[in-house]
Amino acid sequence: MSICPKNKSSKARRDKRRANWKMSAPNLVKCSKCGELMMPHRVCKACGSYNKKEIVSVD
């Protein structure tokens, strides 16, 4: 069993493969307490709450 490629991959084929590797925009949801946009399943940076409970005190 050989690990070497059988044929040379062209630049177009190589670049087509790499074209699918891209970043996606972060998914944001509204905080249930203050309405600020936040990442899901994380503590809100604006009010410090998670699941309608205050977890972190914010100054």
PDB file of N, CA and C in Angstrom:
ATOM      1  N   MET A   1       0.845  -1.184   0.000  1.00  0.00           N
ATOM      2  CA  MET A   1       0.000   0.000   0.000  1.00  0.00           C
ATOM      3  C   MET A   1       0.887   1.242   0.000  1.00  0.00           C
ATOM      4  N   SER A   2       0.608   2.126  -0.956  1.00  0.00           N
ATOM      5  CA  SER A   2       1.432   3.319  -1.098  1.00  0.00           C
ATOM      6  C   SER A   2       0.671   4.559  -0.635  1.00  0.00           C
ATOM      7  N   ILE A   3       1.403   5.467  -0.008  1.00  0.00           N
ATOM      8  CA  ILE A   3       0.781   6.708   0.459  1.00  0.00           C
ATOM      9  C   ILE A   3       0.949   7.839  -0.565  1.00  0.00           C
ATOM     10  N   CYS A   4       1.796   7.615  -1.561  1.00  0.00           N
ATOM     11  CA  CYS A   4       2.047   8.636  -2.577  1.00  0.00           C
ATOM     12  C   CYS A   4       0.852   8.769  -3.524  1.00  0.00           C
ATOM     13  N   PRO A   5       0.577  10.011  -3.994  1.00  0.00           N
ATOM     14  CA  PRO A   5      -0.505  10.166  -4.968  1.00  0.00           C
ATOM     15  C   PRO A   5      -0.147   9.526  -6.312  1.00  0.00           C
ATOM     16  N   LYS A   6      -1.142   8.887  -6.939  1.00  0.00           N
ATOM     17  CA  LYS A   6      -0.893   8.219  -8.226  1.00  0.00           C
ATOM     18  C   LYS A   6      -0.601   9.231  -9.323  1.00  0.00           C
ATOM     19  N   ASN A   7      -1.413  10.322  -9.354  1.00  0.00           N
ATOM     20  CA  ASN A   7      -1.247  11.351 -10.387  1.00  0.00           C
ATOM     21  C   ASN A   7      -1.135  12.717  -9.735  1.00  0.00           C
ATOM     22  N   LYS A   8      -0.557  13.669 -10.490  1.00  0.00           N
ATOM     23  CA  LYS A   8      -0.432  15.032  -9.992  1.00  0.00           C
ATOM     24  C   LYS A   8      -1.808  15.700  -9.982  1.00  0.00           C
ATOM     25  N   SER A   9      -2.135  16.364  -8.871  1.00  0.00           N
ATOM     26  CA  SER A   9      -3.377  17.139  -8.808  1.00  0.00           C
ATOM     27  C   SER A   9      -3.114  18.515  -9.395  1.00  0.00           C
ATOM     28  N   SER A  10      -3.981  18.933 -10.314  1.00  0.00           N
ATOM     29  CA  SER A  10      -3.798  20.240 -10.942  1.00  0.00           C
ATOM     30  C   SER A  10      -4.092  21.355  -9.946  1.00  0.00           C
ATOM     31  N   LYS A  11      -3.636  22.573 -10.278  1.00  0.00           N
ATOM     32  CA  LYS A  11      -3.869  23.720  -9.395  1.00  0.00           C
ATOM     33  C   LYS A  11      -5.365  23.998  -9.267  1.00  0.00           C
ATOM     34  N   ALA A  12      -6.100  23.812 -10.343  1.00  0.00           N
ATOM     35  CA  ALA A  12      -7.547  24.046 -10.312  1.00  0.00           C
ATOM     36  C   ALA A  12      -8.243  23.069  -9.373  1.00  0.00           C
ATOM     37  N   ARG A  13      -7.865  21.811  -9.450  1.00  0.00           N
ATOM     38  CA  ARG A  13      -8.471  20.793  -8.588  1.00  0.00           C
ATOM     39  C   ARG A  13      -8.114  21.049  -7.121  1.00  0.00           C
ATOM     40  N   ARG A  14      -6.852  21.422  -6.894  1.00  0.00           N
ATOM     41  CA  ARG A  14      -6.398  21.729  -5.538  1.00  0.00           C
ATOM     42  C   ARG A  14      -7.165  22.929  -4.972  1.00  0.00           C
ATOM     43  N   ASP A  15      -7.321  23.969  -5.782  1.00  0.00           N
ATOM     44  CA  ASP A  15      -8.009  25.184  -5.326  1.00  0.00           C
ATOM     45  C   ASP A  15      -9.498  24.965  -5.150  1.00  0.00           C
ATOM     46  N   LYS A  16     -10.093  24.090  -5.961  1.00  0.00           N
ATOM     47  CA  LYS A  16     -11.512  23.742  -5.789  1.00  0.00           C
ATOM     48  C   LYS A  16     -11.737  23.080  -4.443  1.00  0.00           C
ATOM     49  N   ARG A  17     -10.816  22.219  -4.061  1.00  0.00           N
ATOM     50  CA  ARG A  17     -10.913  21.537  -2.765  1.00  0.00           C
ATOM     51  C   ARG A  17     -10.781  22.544  -1.621  1.00  0.00           C
ATOM     52  N   ARG A  18      -9.889  23.499  -1.757  1.00  0.00           N
ATOM     53  CA  ARG A  18      -9.644  24.476  -0.701  1.00  0.00           C
ATOM     54  C   ARG A  18     -10.728  25.557  -0.627  1.00  0.00           C
ATOM     55  N   ALA A  19     -11.532  25.699  -1.674  1.00  0.00           N
ATOM     56  CA  ALA A  19     -12.560  26.739  -1.711  1.00  0.00           C
ATOM     57  C   ALA A  19     -13.663  26.485  -0.691  1.00  0.00           C
ATOM     58  N   ASN A  20     -13.862  25.223  -0.276  1.00  0.00           N
ATOM     59  CA  ASN A  20     -14.924  24.891   0.676  1.00  0.00           C
ATOM     60  C   ASN A  20     -14.526  25.135   2.119  1.00  0.00           C
ATOM     61  N   TRP A  21     -13.258  25.412   2.381  1.00  0.00           N
ATOM     62  CA  TRP A  21     -12.763  25.607   3.743  1.00  0.00           C
ATOM     63  C   TRP A  21     -12.839  27.083   4.083  1.00  0.00           C
ATOM     64  N   LYS A  22     -13.980  27.493   4.669  1.00  0.00           N
ATOM     65  CA  LYS A  22     -14.162  28.907   4.975  1.00  0.00           C
ATOM     66  C   LYS A  22     -14.820  29.081   6.335  1.00  0.00           C
ATOM     67  N   MET A  23     -14.685  30.261   6.870  1.00  0.00           N
ATOM     68  CA  MET A  23     -15.281  30.567   8.176  1.00  0.00           C
ATOM     69  C   MET A  23     -16.757  30.867   8.006  1.00  0.00           C
ATOM     70  N   SER A  24     -17.525  30.569   9.047  1.00  0.00           N
ATOM     71  CA  SER A  24     -18.943  30.917   9.044  1.00  0.00           C
ATOM     72  C   SER A  24     -19.179  31.988  10.102  1.00  0.00           C
ATOM     73  N   ALA A  25     -20.204  32.793   9.900  1.00  0.00           N
ATOM     74  CA  ALA A  25     -20.532  33.853  10.850  1.00  0.00           C
ATOM     75  C   ALA A  25     -21.013  33.234  12.156  1.00  0.00           C
ATOM     76  N   PRO A  26     -20.680  33.840  13.297  1.00  0.00           N
ATOM     77  CA  PRO A  26     -21.123  33.266  14.564  1.00  0.00           C
ATOM     78  C   PRO A  26     -22.630  33.338  14.709  1.00  0.00           C
ATOM     79  N   ASN A  27     -23.209  32.277  15.252  1.00  0.00           N
ATOM     80  CA  ASN A  27     -24.653  32.218  15.455  1.00  0.00           C
ATOM     81  C   ASN A  27     -24.996  33.011  16.705  1.00  0.00           C
ATOM     82  N   LEU A  28     -25.864  34.025  16.580  1.00  0.00           N
ATOM     83  CA  LEU A  28     -26.228  34.875  17.707  1.00  0.00           C
ATOM     84  C   LEU A  28     -27.706  34.736  18.023  1.00  0.00           C
ATOM     85  N   VAL A  29     -28.025  34.757  19.323  1.00  0.00           N
ATOM     86  CA  VAL A  29     -29.417  34.719  19.791  1.00  0.00           C
ATOM     87  C   VAL A  29     -29.618  35.871  20.771  1.00  0.00           C
ATOM     88  N   LYS A  30     -30.885  36.242  21.000  1.00  0.00           N
ATOM     89  CA  LYS A  30     -31.186  37.303  21.949  1.00  0.00           C
ATOM     90  C   LYS A  30     -31.176  36.752  23.366  1.00  0.00           C
ATOM     91  N   CYS A  31     -30.628  37.525  24.285  1.00  0.00           N
ATOM     92  CA  CYS A  31     -30.635  37.154  25.698  1.00  0.00           C
ATOM     93  C   CYS A  31     -32.073  37.195  26.195  1.00  0.00           C
ATOM     94  N   SER A  32     -32.471  36.174  26.958  1.00  0.00           N
ATOM     95  CA  SER A  32     -33.858  36.102  27.431  1.00  0.00           C
ATOM     96  C   SER A  32     -34.145  37.129  28.525  1.00  0.00           C
ATOM     97  N   LYS A  33     -33.095  37.683  29.155  1.00  0.00           N
ATOM     98  CA  LYS A  33     -33.290  38.638  30.241  1.00  0.00           C
ATOM     99  C   LYS A  33     -33.211  40.089  29.762  1.00  0.00           C
ATOM    100  N   CYS A  34     -32.133  40.421  29.010  1.00  0.00           N
ATOM    101  CA  CYS A  34     -31.934  41.822  28.608  1.00  0.00           C
ATOM    102  C   CYS A  34     -32.149  42.068  27.116  1.00  0.00           C
ATOM    103  N   GLY A  35     -32.207  41.008  26.299  1.00  0.00           N
ATOM    104  CA  GLY A  35     -32.448  41.177  24.859  1.00  0.00           C
ATOM    105  C   GLY A  35     -31.204  41.458  24.038  1.00  0.00           C
ATOM    106  N   GLU A  36     -30.044  41.477  24.668  1.00  0.00           N
ATOM    107  CA  GLU A  36     -28.783  41.711  23.960  1.00  0.00           C
ATOM    108  C   GLU A  36     -28.407  40.474  23.149  1.00  0.00           C
ATOM    109  N   LEU A  37     -27.729  40.682  22.001  1.00  0.00           N
ATOM    110  CA  LEU A  37     -27.279  39.550  21.189  1.00  0.00           C
ATOM    111  C   LEU A  37     -26.113  38.854  21.884  1.00  0.00           C
ATOM    112  N   MET A  38     -26.173  37.520  21.919  1.00  0.00           N
ATOM    113  CA  MET A  38     -25.129  36.730  22.566  1.00  0.00           C
ATOM    114  C   MET A  38     -24.999  35.393  21.867  1.00  0.00           C
ATOM    115  N   MET A  39     -23.898  34.697  22.116  1.00  0.00           N
ATOM    116  CA  MET A  39     -23.717  33.363  21.568  1.00  0.00           C
ATOM    117  C   MET A  39     -24.548  32.381  22.386  1.00  0.00           C
ATOM    118  N   PRO A  40     -25.168  31.387  21.734  1.00  0.00           N
ATOM    119  CA  PRO A  40     -26.029  30.463  22.474  1.00  0.00           C
ATOM    120  C   PRO A  40     -25.244  29.588  23.450  1.00  0.00           C
ATOM    121  N   HIS A  41     -25.895  29.219  24.553  1.00  0.00           N
ATOM    122  CA  HIS A  41     -25.330  28.339  25.590  1.00  0.00           C
ATOM    123  C   HIS A  41     -24.115  28.956  26.265  1.00  0.00           C
ATOM    124  N   ARG A  42     -24.112  30.297  26.383  1.00  0.00           N
ATOM    125  CA  ARG A  42     -23.031  31.004  27.077  1.00  0.00           C
ATOM    126  C   ARG A  42     -23.623  32.108  27.935  1.00  0.00           C
ATOM    127  N   VAL A  43     -22.870  32.565  28.926  1.00  0.00           N
ATOM    128  CA  VAL A  43     -23.323  33.641  29.802  1.00  0.00           C
ATOM    129  C   VAL A  43     -23.348  34.939  29.005  1.00  0.00           C
ATOM    130  N   CYS A  44     -24.408  35.737  29.199  1.00  0.00           N
ATOM    131  CA  CYS A  44     -24.548  37.023  28.508  1.00  0.00           C
ATOM    132  C   CYS A  44     -23.507  37.990  29.054  1.00  0.00           C
ATOM    133  N   LYS A  45     -22.789  38.680  28.153  1.00  0.00           N
ATOM    134  CA  LYS A  45     -21.755  39.624  28.579  1.00  0.00           C
ATOM    135  C   LYS A  45     -22.366  40.918  29.095  1.00  0.00           C
ATOM    136  N   ALA A  46     -23.575  41.248  28.650  1.00  0.00           N
ATOM    137  CA  ALA A  46     -24.203  42.511  29.041  1.00  0.00           C
ATOM    138  C   ALA A  46     -24.770  42.452  30.463  1.00  0.00           C
ATOM    139  N   CYS A  47     -25.521  41.383  30.776  1.00  0.00           N
ATOM    140  CA  CYS A  47     -26.176  41.311  32.093  1.00  0.00           C
ATOM    141  C   CYS A  47     -25.637  40.200  32.983  1.00  0.00           C
ATOM    142  N   GLY A  48     -24.820  39.300  32.459  1.00  0.00           N
ATOM    143  CA  GLY A  48     -24.218  38.243  33.271  1.00  0.00           C
ATOM    144  C   GLY A  48     -25.163  37.116  33.627  1.00  0.00           C
ATOM    145  N   SER A  49     -26.235  36.948  32.850  1.00  0.00           N
ATOM    146  CA  SER A  49     -27.207  35.904  33.178  1.00  0.00           C
ATOM    147  C   SER A  49     -27.128  34.758  32.170  1.00  0.00           C
ATOM    148  N   TYR A  50     -27.603  33.587  32.623  1.00  0.00           N
ATOM    149  CA  TYR A  50     -27.717  32.415  31.772  1.00  0.00           C
ATOM    150  C   TYR A  50     -28.969  31.672  32.202  1.00  0.00           C
ATOM    151  N   ASN A  51     -29.837  31.383  31.253  1.00  0.00           N
ATOM    152  CA  ASN A  51     -31.088  30.663  31.516  1.00  0.00           C
ATOM    153  C   ASN A  51     -31.949  31.414  32.537  1.00  0.00           C
ATOM    154  N   LYS A  52     -32.026  32.742  32.366  1.00  0.00           N
ATOM    155  CA  LYS A  52     -32.810  33.666  33.222  1.00  0.00           C
ATOM    156  C   LYS A  52     -32.331  33.720  34.668  1.00  0.00           C
ATOM    157  N   LYS A  53     -31.117  33.245  34.946  1.00  0.00           N
ATOM    158  CA  LYS A  53     -30.546  33.317  36.287  1.00  0.00           C
ATOM    159  C   LYS A  53     -29.246  34.100  36.212  1.00  0.00           C
ATOM    160  N   GLU A  54     -28.989  34.960  37.201  1.00  0.00           N
ATOM    161  CA  GLU A  54     -27.756  35.735  37.217  1.00  0.00           C
ATOM    162  C   GLU A  54     -26.617  34.835  37.693  1.00  0.00           C
ATOM    163  N   ILE A  55     -25.621  34.682  36.832  1.00  0.00           N
ATOM    164  CA  ILE A  55     -24.490  33.818  37.114  1.00  0.00           C
ATOM    165  C   ILE A  55     -23.285  34.663  37.527  1.00  0.00           C
ATOM    166  N   VAL A  56     -23.033  35.752  36.770  1.00  0.00           N
ATOM    167  CA  VAL A  56     -21.889  36.622  37.010  1.00  0.00           C
ATOM    168  C   VAL A  56     -22.410  38.020  37.294  1.00  0.00           C
ATOM    169  N   SER A  57     -21.866  38.668  38.315  1.00  0.00           N
ATOM    170  CA  SER A  57     -22.273  40.061  38.583  1.00  0.00           C
ATOM    171  C   SER A  57     -21.504  40.985  37.653  1.00  0.00           C
ATOM    172  N   VAL A  58     -22.238  41.868  36.950  1.00  0.00           N
ATOM    173  CA  VAL A  58     -21.646  42.801  36.005  1.00  0.00           C
ATOM    174  C   VAL A  58     -21.722  44.205  36.614  1.00  0.00           C
ATOM    175  N   ASP A  59     -20.597  44.909  36.581  1.00  0.00           N
ATOM    176  CA  ASP A  59     -20.557  46.275  37.147  1.00  0.00           C
ATOM    177  C   ASP A  59     -21.290  47.263  36.247  1.00  0.00           C
TER     178      ASP A  59
END
